[in-house]
PDB file of N, CA and C in Angstrom:
ATOM      1  N   MET A   1      41.223  79.083 129.743  1.00  0.00           N
ATOM      2  CA  MET A   1      41.265  80.278 128.930  1.00  0.00           C
ATOM      3  C   MET A   1      41.129  79.895 127.456  1.00  0.00           C
ATOM      4  N   LYS A   2      40.201  80.503 126.749  1.00  0.00           N
ATOM      5  CA  LYS A   2      39.955  80.229 125.332  1.00  0.00           C
ATOM      6  C   LYS A   2      40.964  80.981 124.475  1.00  0.00           C
ATOM      7  N   SER A   3      41.332  80.335 123.377  1.00  0.00           N
ATOM      8  CA  SER A   3      42.261  80.965 122.449  1.00  0.00           C
ATOM      9  C   SER A   3      41.497  81.371 121.192  1.00  0.00           C
ATOM     10  N   ASP A   4      41.809  82.535 120.645  1.00  0.00           N
ATOM     11  CA  ASP A   4      41.200  82.984 119.397  1.00  0.00           C
ATOM     12  C   ASP A   4      41.998  82.505 118.193  1.00  0.00           C
ATOM     13  N   ARG A   5      43.023  81.740 118.452  1.00  0.00           N
ATOM     14  CA  ARG A   5      43.869  81.242 117.371  1.00  0.00           C
ATOM     15  C   ARG A   5      43.045  80.341 116.453  1.00  0.00           C
ATOM     16  N   GLY A   6      43.141  80.568 115.190  1.00  0.00           N
ATOM     17  CA  GLY A   6      42.413  79.773 114.224  1.00  0.00           C
ATOM     18  C   GLY A   6      41.004  80.264 113.954  1.00  0.00           C
ATOM     19  N   LYS A   7      40.592  81.287 114.613  1.00  0.00           N
ATOM     20  CA  LYS A   7      39.258  81.826 114.394  1.00  0.00           C
ATOM     21  C   LYS A   7      39.260  82.632 113.102  1.00  0.00           C
ATOM     22  N   ARG A   8      38.287  82.373 112.262  1.00  0.00           N
ATOM     23  CA  ARG A   8      38.202  83.092 110.991  1.00  0.00           C
ATOM     24  C   ARG A   8      37.539  84.438 111.196  1.00  0.00           C
ATOM     25  N   VAL A   9      38.087  85.411 110.517  1.00  0.00           N
ATOM     26  CA  VAL A   9      37.528  86.756 110.585  1.00  0.00           C
ATOM     27  C   VAL A   9      37.019  87.104 109.194  1.00  0.00           C
ATOM     28  N   PHE A  10      35.781  87.524 109.129  1.00  0.00           N
ATOM     29  CA  PHE A  10      35.180  87.893 107.852  1.00  0.00           C
ATOM     30  C   PHE A  10      34.977  89.402 107.823  1.00  0.00           C
ATOM     31  N   ARG A  11      35.195  89.938 106.635  1.00  0.00           N
ATOM     32  CA  ARG A  11      34.940  91.363 106.470  1.00  0.00           C
ATOM     33  C   ARG A  11      34.061  91.533 105.244  1.00  0.00           C
ATOM     34  N   LYS A  12      33.374  92.610 105.209  1.00  0.00           N
ATOM     35  CA  LYS A  12      32.488  92.900 104.088  1.00  0.00           C
ATOM     36  C   LYS A  12      33.341  93.336 102.895  1.00  0.00           C
ATOM     37  N   SER A  13      32.999  92.804 101.710  1.00  0.00           N
ATOM     38  CA  SER A  13      33.736  93.168 100.501  1.00  0.00           C
ATOM     39  C   SER A  13      33.431  94.605 100.118  1.00  0.00           C
ATOM     40  N   THR A  14      34.443  95.236  99.531  1.00  0.00           N
ATOM     41  CA  THR A  14      34.253  96.612  99.062  1.00  0.00           C
ATOM     42  C   THR A  14      33.490  96.584  97.753  1.00  0.00           C
ATOM     43  N   SER A  15      32.970  97.713  97.350  1.00  0.00           N
ATOM     44  CA  SER A  15      32.228  97.789  96.082  1.00  0.00           C
ATOM     45  C   SER A  15      33.153  97.474  94.904  1.00  0.00           C
ATOM     46  N   GLU A  16      34.425  97.866  95.003  1.00  0.00           N
ATOM     47  CA  GLU A  16      35.381  97.553  93.933  1.00  0.00           C
ATOM     48  C   GLU A  16      35.610  96.041  93.835  1.00  0.00           C
ATOM     49  N   GLU A  17      35.722  95.380  94.988  1.00  0.00           N
ATOM     50  CA  GLU A  17      35.913  93.933  94.993  1.00  0.00           C
ATOM     51  C   GLU A  17      34.681  93.228  94.438  1.00  0.00           C
ATOM     52  N   LEU A  18      33.507  93.685  94.824  1.00  0.00           N
ATOM     53  CA  LEU A  18      32.274  93.088  94.328  1.00  0.00           C
ATOM     54  C   LEU A  18      32.162  93.218  92.813  1.00  0.00           C
ATOM     55  N   LYS A  19      32.530  94.393  92.293  1.00  0.00           N
ATOM     56  CA  LYS A  19      32.499  94.605  90.844  1.00  0.00           C
ATOM     57  C   LYS A  19      33.514  93.699  90.140  1.00  0.00           C
ATOM     58  N   ARG A  20      34.707  93.589  90.712  1.00  0.00           N
ATOM     59  CA  ARG A  20      35.746  92.742  90.131  1.00  0.00           C
ATOM     60  C   ARG A  20      35.287  91.276  90.130  1.00  0.00           C
ATOM     61  N   HIS A  21      34.684  90.821  91.210  1.00  0.00           N
ATOM     62  CA  HIS A  21      34.181  89.449  91.274  1.00  0.00           C
ATOM     63  C   HIS A  21      33.070  89.210  90.250  1.00  0.00           C
ATOM     64  N   LYS A  22      32.192  90.194  90.105  1.00  0.00           N
ATOM     65  CA  LYS A  22      31.106  90.073  89.126  1.00  0.00           C
ATOM     66  C   LYS A  22      31.676  89.986  87.714  1.00  0.00           C
ATOM     67  N   ASP A  23      32.670  90.834  87.414  1.00  0.00           N
ATOM     68  CA  ASP A  23      33.308  90.816  86.095  1.00  0.00           C
ATOM     69  C   ASP A  23      33.972  89.461  85.811  1.00  0.00           C
ATOM     70  N   ILE A  24      34.627  88.920  86.821  1.00  0.00           N
ATOM     71  CA  ILE A  24      35.289  87.623  86.658  1.00  0.00           C
ATOM     72  C   ILE A  24      34.261  86.534  86.391  1.00  0.00           C
ATOM     73  N   ARG A  25      33.159  86.528  87.147  1.00  0.00           N
ATOM     74  CA  ARG A  25      32.101  85.527  86.937  1.00  0.00           C
ATOM     75  C   ARG A  25      31.516  85.639  85.534  1.00  0.00           C
ATOM     76  N   GLN A  26      31.306  86.872  85.060  1.00  0.00           N
ATOM     77  CA  GLN A  26      30.759  87.064  83.712  1.00  0.00           C
ATOM     78  C   GLN A  26      31.740  86.567  82.648  1.00  0.00           C
ATOM     79  N   LYS A  27      33.026  86.833  82.848  1.00  0.00           N
ATOM     80  CA  LYS A  27      34.037  86.381  81.892  1.00  0.00           C
ATOM     81  C   LYS A  27      34.057  84.854  81.836  1.00  0.00           C
ATOM     82  N   ILE A  28      34.046  84.217  82.983  1.00  0.00           N
ATOM     83  CA  ILE A  28      34.047  82.752  83.035  1.00  0.00           C
ATOM     84  C   ILE A  28      32.792  82.206  82.364  1.00  0.00           C
ATOM     85  N   GLU A  29      31.654  82.803  82.674  1.00  0.00           N
ATOM     86  CA  GLU A  29      30.388  82.362  82.082  1.00  0.00           C
ATOM     87  C   GLU A  29      30.413  82.481  80.560  1.00  0.00           C
ATOM     88  N   SER A  30      31.019  83.548  80.040  1.00  0.00           N
ATOM     89  CA  SER A  30      31.069  83.723  78.587  1.00  0.00           C
ATOM     90  C   SER A  30      32.054  82.760  77.925  1.00  0.00           C
ATOM     91  N   GLU A  31      33.103  82.359  78.637  1.00  0.00           N
ATOM     92  CA  GLU A  31      34.107  81.457  78.070  1.00  0.00           C
ATOM     93  C   GLU A  31      33.749  79.987  78.245  1.00  0.00           C
ATOM     94  N   LEU A  32      32.860  79.674  79.165  1.00  0.00           N
ATOM     95  CA  LEU A  32      32.542  78.290  79.496  1.00  0.00           C
ATOM     96  C   LEU A  32      32.036  77.462  78.314  1.00  0.00           C
ATOM     97  N   PRO A  33      31.130  77.960  77.473  1.00  0.00           N
ATOM     98  CA  PRO A  33      30.683  77.139  76.337  1.00  0.00           C
ATOM     99  C   PRO A  33      31.832  76.741  75.414  1.00  0.00           C
ATOM    100  N   ASP A  34      32.755  77.670  75.168  1.00  0.00           N
ATOM    101  CA  ASP A  34      33.903  77.361  74.311  1.00  0.00           C
ATOM    102  C   ASP A  34      34.808  76.322  74.966  1.00  0.00           C
ATOM    103  N   ILE A  35      35.032  76.457  76.253  1.00  0.00           N
ATOM    104  CA  ILE A  35      35.864  75.490  76.983  1.00  0.00           C
ATOM    105  C   ILE A  35      35.234  74.105  76.920  1.00  0.00           C
ATOM    106  N   ARG A  36      33.931  74.038  77.147  1.00  0.00           N
ATOM    107  CA  ARG A  36      33.230  72.748  77.089  1.00  0.00           C
ATOM    108  C   ARG A  36      33.289  72.143  75.688  1.00  0.00           C
ATOM    109  N   ALA A  37      33.113  72.980  74.664  1.00  0.00           N
ATOM    110  CA  ALA A  37      33.149  72.489  73.280  1.00  0.00           C
ATOM    111  C   ALA A  37      34.540  71.937  72.944  1.00  0.00           C
ATOM    112  N   ARG A  38      35.586  72.657  73.364  1.00  0.00           N
ATOM    113  CA  ARG A  38      36.950  72.171  73.102  1.00  0.00           C
ATOM    114  C   ARG A  38      37.219  70.856  73.832  1.00  0.00           C
ATOM    115  N   ALA A  39      36.734  70.745  75.068  1.00  0.00           N
ATOM    116  CA  ALA A  39      36.925  69.506  75.828  1.00  0.00           C
ATOM    117  C   ALA A  39      36.193  68.349  75.153  1.00  0.00           C
ATOM    118  N   LYS A  40      34.975  68.602  74.672  1.00  0.00           N
ATOM    119  CA  LYS A  40      34.208  67.556  74.005  1.00  0.00           C
ATOM    120  C   LYS A  40      34.899  67.131  72.713  1.00  0.00           C
ATOM    121  N   ASN A  41      35.453  68.103  71.975  1.00  0.00           N
ATOM    122  CA  ASN A  41      36.179  67.777  70.746  1.00  0.00           C
ATOM    123  C   ASN A  41      37.397  66.905  71.040  1.00  0.00           C
ATOM    124  N   GLN A  42      38.097  67.201  72.123  1.00  0.00           N
ATOM    125  CA  GLN A  42      39.259  66.397  72.509  1.00  0.00           C
ATOM    126  C   GLN A  42      38.831  64.966  72.810  1.00  0.00           C
ATOM    127  N   LEU A  43      37.735  64.814  73.552  1.00  0.00           N
ATOM    128  CA  LEU A  43      37.239  63.475  73.858  1.00  0.00           C
ATOM    129  C   LEU A  43      36.817  62.741  72.594  1.00  0.00           C
ATOM    130  N   THR A  44      36.163  63.464  71.684  1.00  0.00           N
ATOM    131  CA  THR A  44      35.732  62.856  70.429  1.00  0.00           C
ATOM    132  C   THR A  44      36.934  62.386  69.620  1.00  0.00           C
ATOM    133  N   LEU A  45      37.991  63.197  69.600  1.00  0.00           N
ATOM    134  CA  LEU A  45      39.213  62.787  68.892  1.00  0.00           C
ATOM    135  C   LEU A  45      39.784  61.517  69.496  1.00  0.00           C
ATOM    136  N   LEU A  46      39.817  61.450  70.817  1.00  0.00           N
ATOM    137  CA  LEU A  46      40.341  60.251  71.467  1.00  0.00           C
ATOM    138  C   LEU A  46      39.506  59.033  71.124  1.00  0.00           C
ATOM    139  N   VAL A  47      38.190  59.199  71.142  1.00  0.00           N
ATOM    140  CA  VAL A  47      37.305  58.078  70.841  1.00  0.00           C
ATOM    141  C   VAL A  47      37.449  57.672  69.379  1.00  0.00           C
ATOM    142  N   ASN A  48      37.482  58.642  68.480  1.00  0.00           N
ATOM    143  CA  ASN A  48      37.585  58.342  67.059  1.00  0.00           C
ATOM    144  C   ASN A  48      38.922  57.723  66.697  1.00  0.00           C
ATOM    145  N   GLU A  49      39.964  58.069  67.452  1.00  0.00           N
ATOM    146  CA  GLU A  49      41.259  57.456  67.199  1.00  0.00           C
ATOM    147  C   GLU A  49      41.263  56.015  67.674  1.00  0.00           C
ATOM    148  N   GLY A  50      40.263  55.665  68.444  1.00  0.00           N
ATOM    149  CA  GLY A  50      40.128  54.283  68.848  1.00  0.00           C
ATOM    150  C   GLY A  50      41.100  53.889  69.946  1.00  0.00           C
ATOM    151  N   THR A  51      40.987  54.529  71.086  1.00  0.00           N
ATOM    152  CA  THR A  51      41.815  54.107  72.206  1.00  0.00           C
ATOM    153  C   THR A  51      41.532  52.634  72.476  1.00  0.00           C
ATOM    154  N   PRO A  52      42.491  51.913  72.999  1.00  0.00           N
ATOM    155  CA  PRO A  52      42.277  50.482  73.224  1.00  0.00           C
ATOM    156  C   PRO A  52      41.034  50.168  74.059  1.00  0.00           C
ATOM    157  N   ILE A  53      40.772  50.963  75.076  1.00  0.00           N
ATOM    158  CA  ILE A  53      39.580  50.722  75.901  1.00  0.00           C
ATOM    159  C   ILE A  53      38.321  50.912  75.070  1.00  0.00           C
ATOM    160  N   ARG A  54      38.259  51.992  74.275  1.00  0.00           N
ATOM    161  CA  ARG A  54      37.084  52.230  73.430  1.00  0.00           C
ATOM    162  C   ARG A  54      36.923  51.116  72.407  1.00  0.00           C
ATOM    163  N   GLN A  55      38.039  50.649  71.833  1.00  0.00           N
ATOM    164  CA  GLN A  55      37.962  49.557  70.865  1.00  0.00           C
ATOM    165  C   GLN A  55      37.405  48.299  71.519  1.00  0.00           C
ATOM    166  N   LEU A  56      37.892  48.001  72.713  1.00  0.00           N
ATOM    167  CA  LEU A  56      37.437  46.818  73.423  1.00  0.00           C
ATOM    168  C   LEU A  56      35.958  46.921  73.785  1.00  0.00           C
ATOM    169  N   LEU A  57      35.558  48.077  74.302  1.00  0.00           N
ATOM    170  CA  LEU A  57      34.152  48.259  74.658  1.00  0.00           C
ATOM    171  C   LEU A  57      33.257  48.175  73.419  1.00  0.00           C
ATOM    172  N   GLY A  58      33.729  48.707  72.303  1.00  0.00           N
ATOM    173  CA  GLY A  58      32.973  48.606  71.047  1.00  0.00           C
ATOM    174  C   GLY A  58      32.843  47.162  70.595  1.00  0.00           C
ATOM    175  N   ALA A  59      33.923  46.398  70.751  1.00  0.00           N
ATOM    176  CA  ALA A  59      33.894  44.988  70.362  1.00  0.00           C
ATOM    177  C   ALA A  59      32.953  44.193  71.264  1.00  0.00           C
ATOM    178  N   LEU A  60      32.962  44.495  72.571  1.00  0.00           N
ATOM    179  CA  LEU A  60      32.061  43.812  73.493  1.00  0.00           C
ATOM    180  C   LEU A  60      30.605  44.116  73.156  1.00  0.00           C
ATOM    181  N   ARG A  61      30.343  45.376  72.865  1.00  0.00           N
ATOM    182  CA  ARG A  61      28.969  45.758  72.511  1.00  0.00           C
ATOM    183  C   ARG A  61      28.523  45.075  71.216  1.00  0.00           C
ATOM    184  N   ALA A  62      29.407  45.083  70.215  1.00  0.00           N
ATOM    185  CA  ALA A  62      29.073  44.452  68.935  1.00  0.00           C
ATOM    186  C   ALA A  62      28.807  42.954  69.122  1.00  0.00           C
ATOM    187  N   GLU A  63      29.617  42.296  69.941  1.00  0.00           N
ATOM    188  CA  GLU A  63      29.419  40.869  70.187  1.00  0.00           C
ATOM    189  C   GLU A  63      28.118  40.616  70.944  1.00  0.00           C
ATOM    190  N   ARG A  64      27.821  41.457  71.918  1.00  0.00           N
ATOM    191  CA  ARG A  64      26.561  41.328  72.660  1.00  0.00           C
ATOM    192  C   ARG A  64      25.377  41.438  71.699  1.00  0.00           C
ATOM    193  N   GLN A  65      25.430  42.423  70.808  1.00  0.00           N
ATOM    194  CA  GLN A  65      24.337  42.614  69.855  1.00  0.00           C
ATOM    195  C   GLN A  65      24.272  41.460  68.853  1.00  0.00           C
ATOM    196  N   ARG A  66      25.435  40.978  68.420  1.00  0.00           N
ATOM    197  CA  ARG A  66      25.468  39.850  67.480  1.00  0.00           C
ATOM    198  C   ARG A  66      24.813  38.613  68.090  1.00  0.00           C
ATOM    199  N   LEU A  67      25.028  38.418  69.386  1.00  0.00           N
ATOM    200  CA  LEU A  67      24.437  37.279  70.077  1.00  0.00           C
ATOM    201  C   LEU A  67      22.972  37.511  70.445  1.00  0.00           C
ATOM    202  N   GLY A  68      22.469  38.723  70.209  1.00  0.00           N
ATOM    203  CA  GLY A  68      21.079  39.041  70.513  1.00  0.00           C
ATOM    204  C   GLY A  68      20.816  39.186  71.997  1.00  0.00           C
ATOM    205  N   LEU A  69      21.838  39.568  72.746  1.00  0.00           N
ATOM    206  CA  LEU A  69      21.701  39.722  74.189  1.00  0.00           C
ATOM    207  C   LEU A  69      21.413  41.174  74.553  1.00  0.00           C
ATOM    208  N   SER A  70      20.596  41.342  75.563  1.00  0.00           N
ATOM    209  CA  SER A  70      20.297  42.685  76.059  1.00  0.00           C
ATOM    210  C   SER A  70      21.236  43.003  77.219  1.00  0.00           C
ATOM    211  N   LEU A  71      21.220  44.266  77.641  1.00  0.00           N
ATOM    212  CA  LEU A  71      22.002  44.648  78.821  1.00  0.00           C
ATOM    213  C   LEU A  71      21.493  43.911  80.058  1.00  0.00           C
ATOM    214  N   ALA A  72      20.189  43.638  80.102  1.00  0.00           N
ATOM    215  CA  ALA A  72      19.628  42.881  81.219  1.00  0.00           C
ATOM    216  C   ALA A  72      20.202  41.459  81.245  1.00  0.00           C
ATOM    217  N   ASP A  73      20.398  40.871  80.063  1.00  0.00           N
ATOM    218  CA  ASP A  73      20.999  39.532  79.989  1.00  0.00           C
ATOM    219  C   ASP A  73      22.431  39.556  80.538  1.00  0.00           C
ATOM    220  N   ILE A  74      23.180  40.567  80.159  1.00  0.00           N
ATOM    221  CA  ILE A  74      24.566  40.685  80.633  1.00  0.00           C
ATOM    222  C   ILE A  74      24.565  40.950  82.135  1.00  0.00           C
ATOM    223  N   ASN A  75      23.616  41.743  82.596  1.00  0.00           N
ATOM    224  CA  ASN A  75      23.482  42.000  84.029  1.00  0.00           C
ATOM    225  C   ASN A  75      23.297  40.689  84.796  1.00  0.00           C
ATOM    226  N   GLU A  76      22.442  39.816  84.286  1.00  0.00           N
ATOM    227  CA  GLU A  76      22.195  38.530  84.941  1.00  0.00           C
ATOM    228  C   GLU A  76      23.447  37.657  84.953  1.00  0.00           C
ATOM    229  N   ARG A  77      24.210  37.716  83.874  1.00  0.00           N
ATOM    230  CA  ARG A  77      25.400  36.871  83.759  1.00  0.00           C
ATOM    231  C   ARG A  77      26.598  37.399  84.551  1.00  0.00           C
ATOM    232  N   THR A  78      26.667  38.714  84.753  1.00  0.00           N
ATOM    233  CA  THR A  78      27.845  39.299  85.381  1.00  0.00           C
ATOM    234  C   THR A  78      27.592  39.874  86.767  1.00  0.00           C
ATOM    235  N   GLY A  79      26.350  40.254  87.033  1.00  0.00           N
ATOM    236  CA  GLY A  79      26.055  40.944  88.281  1.00  0.00           C
ATOM    237  C   GLY A  79      26.372  42.427  88.210  1.00  0.00           C
ATOM    238  N   ILE A  80      26.802  42.887  87.047  1.00  0.00           N
ATOM    239  CA  ILE A  80      27.089  44.315  86.849  1.00  0.00           C
ATOM    240  C   ILE A  80      25.772  45.018  86.554  1.00  0.00           C
ATOM    241  N   ASP A  81      25.531  46.113  87.252  1.00  0.00           N
ATOM    242  CA  ASP A  81      24.299  46.876  87.098  1.00  0.00           C
ATOM    243  C   ASP A  81      24.066  47.252  85.636  1.00  0.00           C
ATOM    244  N   ARG A  82      22.821  47.141  85.188  1.00  0.00           N
ATOM    245  CA  ARG A  82      22.480  47.452  83.797  1.00  0.00           C
ATOM    246  C   ARG A  82      22.840  48.882  83.418  1.00  0.00           C
ATOM    247  N   ALA A  83      22.597  49.825  84.320  1.00  0.00           N
ATOM    248  CA  ALA A  83      22.947  51.221  84.038  1.00  0.00           C
ATOM    249  C   ALA A  83      24.458  51.373  83.893  1.00  0.00           C
ATOM    250  N   ALA A  84      25.216  50.649  84.711  1.00  0.00           N
ATOM    251  CA  ALA A  84      26.681  50.707  84.609  1.00  0.00           C
ATOM    252  C   ALA A  84      27.143  50.130  83.274  1.00  0.00           C
ATOM    253  N   LEU A  85      26.507  49.057  82.832  1.00  0.00           N
ATOM    254  CA  LEU A  85      26.848  48.475  81.528  1.00  0.00           C
ATOM    255  C   LEU A  85      26.564  49.464  80.403  1.00  0.00           C
ATOM    256  N   SER A  86      25.440  50.141  80.488  1.00  0.00           N
ATOM    257  CA  SER A  86      25.090  51.137  79.480  1.00  0.00           C
ATOM    258  C   SER A  86      26.113  52.265  79.449  1.00  0.00           C
ATOM    259  N   ARG A  87      26.527  52.717  80.639  1.00  0.00           N
ATOM    260  CA  ARG A  87      27.547  53.774  80.701  1.00  0.00           C
ATOM    261  C   ARG A  87      28.865  53.299  80.088  1.00  0.00           C
ATOM    262  N   LEU A  88      29.213  52.040  80.321  1.00  0.00           N
ATOM    263  CA  LEU A  88      30.435  51.497  79.736  1.00  0.00           C
ATOM    264  C   LEU A  88      30.386  51.569  78.214  1.00  0.00           C
ATOM    265  N   GLU A  89      29.262  51.165  77.667  1.00  0.00           N
ATOM    266  CA  GLU A  89      29.138  51.118  76.212  1.00  0.00           C
ATOM    267  C   GLU A  89      28.988  52.499  75.571  1.00  0.00           C
ATOM    268  N   ASN A  90      28.383  53.433  76.282  1.00  0.00           N
ATOM    269  CA  ASN A  90      28.020  54.705  75.649  1.00  0.00           C
ATOM    270  C   ASN A  90      28.787  55.923  76.132  1.00  0.00           C
ATOM    271  N   ASN A  91      29.412  55.837  77.273  1.00  0.00           N
ATOM    272  CA  ASN A  91      30.086  57.000  77.841  1.00  0.00           C
ATOM    273  C   ASN A  91      31.499  57.108  77.283  1.00  0.00           C
ATOM    274  N   GLU A  92      31.803  58.223  76.660  1.00  0.00           N
ATOM    275  CA  GLU A  92      33.106  58.411  76.028  1.00  0.00           C
ATOM    276  C   GLU A  92      34.260  58.345  77.007  1.00  0.00           C
ATOM    277  N   ASP A  93      34.021  58.725  78.248  1.00  0.00           N
ATOM    278  CA  ASP A  93      35.114  58.720  79.210  1.00  0.00           C
ATOM    279  C   ASP A  93      34.977  57.605  80.245  1.00  0.00           C
ATOM    280  N   ALA A  94      34.360  56.488  79.830  1.00  0.00           N
ATOM    281  CA  ALA A  94      34.247  55.332  80.718  1.00  0.00           C
ATOM    282  C   ALA A  94      35.648  54.844  81.075  1.00  0.00           C
ATOM    283  N   ASN A  95      35.813  54.426  82.310  1.00  0.00           N
ATOM    284  CA  ASN A  95      37.117  53.992  82.784  1.00  0.00           C
ATOM    285  C   ASN A  95      36.961  52.700  83.600  1.00  0.00           C
ATOM    286  N   PRO A  96      36.631  51.594  82.910  1.00  0.00           N
ATOM    287  CA  PRO A  96      36.356  50.351  83.630  1.00  0.00           C
ATOM    288  C   PRO A  96      37.637  49.695  84.146  1.00  0.00           C
ATOM    289  N   THR A  97      37.478  48.855  85.155  1.00  0.00           N
ATOM    290  CA  THR A  97      38.606  48.069  85.640  1.00  0.00           C
ATOM    291  C   THR A  97      38.787  46.855  84.741  1.00  0.00           C
ATOM    292  N   LEU A  98      39.958  46.241  84.807  1.00  0.00           N
ATOM    293  CA  LEU A  98      40.193  45.025  84.030  1.00  0.00           C
ATOM    294  C   LEU A  98      39.241  43.911  84.466  1.00  0.00           C
ATOM    295  N   THR A  99      38.948  43.857  85.753  1.00  0.00           N
ATOM    296  CA  THR A  99      38.025  42.837  86.258  1.00  0.00           C
ATOM    297  C   THR A  99      36.645  42.994  85.628  1.00  0.00           C
ATOM    298  N   THR A 100      36.175  44.228  85.527  1.00  0.00           N
ATOM    299  CA  THR A 100      34.871  44.483  84.901  1.00  0.00           C
ATOM    300  C   THR A 100      34.882  44.047  83.445  1.00  0.00           C
ATOM    301  N   LEU A 101      35.932  44.395  82.714  1.00  0.00           N
ATOM    302  CA  LEU A 101      36.031  44.004  81.305  1.00  0.00           C
ATOM    303  C   LEU A 101      36.092  42.484  81.162  1.00  0.00           C
ATOM    304  N   GLU A 102      36.823  41.824  82.050  1.00  0.00           N
ATOM    305  CA  GLU A 102      36.911  40.358  82.010  1.00  0.00           C
ATOM    306  C   GLU A 102      35.544  39.719  82.270  1.00  0.00           C
ATOM    307  N   ARG A 103      34.811  40.231  83.239  1.00  0.00           N
ATOM    308  CA  ARG A 103      33.477  39.693  83.545  1.00  0.00           C
ATOM    309  C   ARG A 103      32.546  39.854  82.352  1.00  0.00           C
ATOM    310  N   TYR A 104      32.604  41.022  81.706  1.00  0.00           N
ATOM    311  CA  TYR A 104      31.763  41.280  80.535  1.00  0.00           C
ATOM    312  C   TYR A 104      32.134  40.318  79.410  1.00  0.00           C
ATOM    313  N   ALA A 105      33.431  40.173  79.148  1.00  0.00           N
ATOM    314  CA  ALA A 105      33.887  39.283  78.076  1.00  0.00           C
ATOM    315  C   ALA A 105      33.455  37.837  78.344  1.00  0.00           C
ATOM    316  N   GLU A 106      33.628  37.377  79.585  1.00  0.00           N
ATOM    317  CA  GLU A 106      33.241  36.002  79.929  1.00  0.00           C
ATOM    318  C   GLU A 106      31.739  35.779  79.754  1.00  0.00           C
ATOM    319  N   ALA A 107      30.940  36.804  80.021  1.00  0.00           N
ATOM    320  CA  ALA A 107      29.487  36.695  79.848  1.00  0.00           C
ATOM    321  C   ALA A 107      29.127  36.489  78.383  1.00  0.00           C
ATOM    322  N   LEU A 108      30.030  36.877  77.492  1.00  0.00           N
ATOM    323  CA  LEU A 108      29.809  36.711  76.056  1.00  0.00           C
ATOM    324  C   LEU A 108      30.509  35.467  75.513  1.00  0.00           C
ATOM    325  N   GLY A 109      31.109  34.685  76.415  1.00  0.00           N
ATOM    326  CA  GLY A 109      31.837  33.496  75.980  1.00  0.00           C
ATOM    327  C   GLY A 109      33.192  33.825  75.399  1.00  0.00           C
ATOM    328  N   LYS A 110      33.739  34.943  75.796  1.00  0.00           N
ATOM    329  CA  LYS A 110      35.039  35.382  75.289  1.00  0.00           C
ATOM    330  C   LYS A 110      36.044  35.416  76.429  1.00  0.00           C
ATOM    331  N   ARG A 111      37.309  35.416  76.077  1.00  0.00           N
ATOM    332  CA  ARG A 111      38.379  35.552  77.054  1.00  0.00           C
ATOM    333  C   ARG A 111      39.175  36.791  76.687  1.00  0.00           C
ATOM    334  N   MET A 112      39.451  37.596  77.663  1.00  0.00           N
ATOM    335  CA  MET A 112      40.214  38.819  77.422  1.00  0.00           C
ATOM    336  C   MET A 112      41.691  38.530  77.645  1.00  0.00           C
ATOM    337  N   ILE A 113      42.501  38.962  76.713  1.00  0.00           N
ATOM    338  CA  ILE A 113      43.953  38.791  76.813  1.00  0.00           C
ATOM    339  C   ILE A 113      44.565  40.183  76.749  1.00  0.00           C
ATOM    340  N   VAL A 114      45.402  40.510  77.718  1.00  0.00           N
ATOM    341  CA  VAL A 114      46.069  41.814  77.754  1.00  0.00           C
ATOM    342  C   VAL A 114      47.454  41.651  77.183  1.00  0.00           C
ATOM    343  N   LEU A 115      47.823  42.503  76.253  1.00  0.00           N
ATOM    344  CA  LEU A 115      49.107  42.427  75.576  1.00  0.00           C
ATOM    345  C   LEU A 115      49.845  43.738  75.747  1.00  0.00           C
ATOM    346  N   LEU A 116      51.091  43.665  76.091  1.00  0.00           N
ATOM    347  CA  LEU A 116      51.935  44.843  76.202  1.00  0.00           C
ATOM    348  C   LEU A 116      52.914  44.811  75.049  1.00  0.00           C
ATOM    349  N   SER A 117      53.003  45.909  74.301  1.00  0.00           N
ATOM    350  CA  SER A 117      53.928  45.937  73.164  1.00  0.00           C
ATOM    351  C   SER A 117      54.620  47.285  73.107  1.00  0.00           C
ATOM    352  N   ASP A 118      55.671  47.339  72.317  1.00  0.00           N
ATOM    353  CA  ASP A 118      56.399  48.579  72.129  1.00  0.00           C
ATOM    354  C   ASP A 118      55.564  49.551  71.303  1.00  0.00           C
ATOM    355  N   VAL A 119      55.745  50.823  71.579  1.00  0.00           N
ATOM    356  CA  VAL A 119      55.061  51.851  70.800  1.00  0.00           C
ATOM    357  C   VAL A 119      55.806  52.025  69.484  1.00  0.00           C
ATOM    358  N   THR A 120      55.056  52.029  68.396  1.00  0.00           N
ATOM    359  CA  THR A 120      55.679  52.238  67.087  1.00  0.00           C
ATOM    360  C   THR A 120      55.538  53.707  66.714  1.00  0.00           C
ATOM    361  N   SER A 121      56.534  54.207  66.005  1.00  0.00           N
ATOM    362  CA  SER A 121      56.497  55.629  65.623  1.00  0.00           C
ATOM    363  C   SER A 121      55.639  55.844  64.421  1.00  0.00           C
TER     364      SER A 121
END
């Protein structure tokens, strides 16, 4: 014997529900550019304040350029995909692992040291 338990039942939306859904979609669509702009500003503030990861990635990029190395050169030395390296250097919300950062640093002849310190007010 088959059970109807768990069977989904669909009903047609009423005209009032359809209008309400349309209004909600329009409201979201009109607010979306502002939401995106505020989110981008927040990310820009974080980057400009120089989060430790952004500072480190900036230093790695500067050292790579100082040595005259291309992303392809770093790719050969680390095995990290060139596109991934580019995203690390240019993407504001890059979130690399410590292993990735260590591999990049070693490819530049550098050693990464992680330091934990108290937060100053």
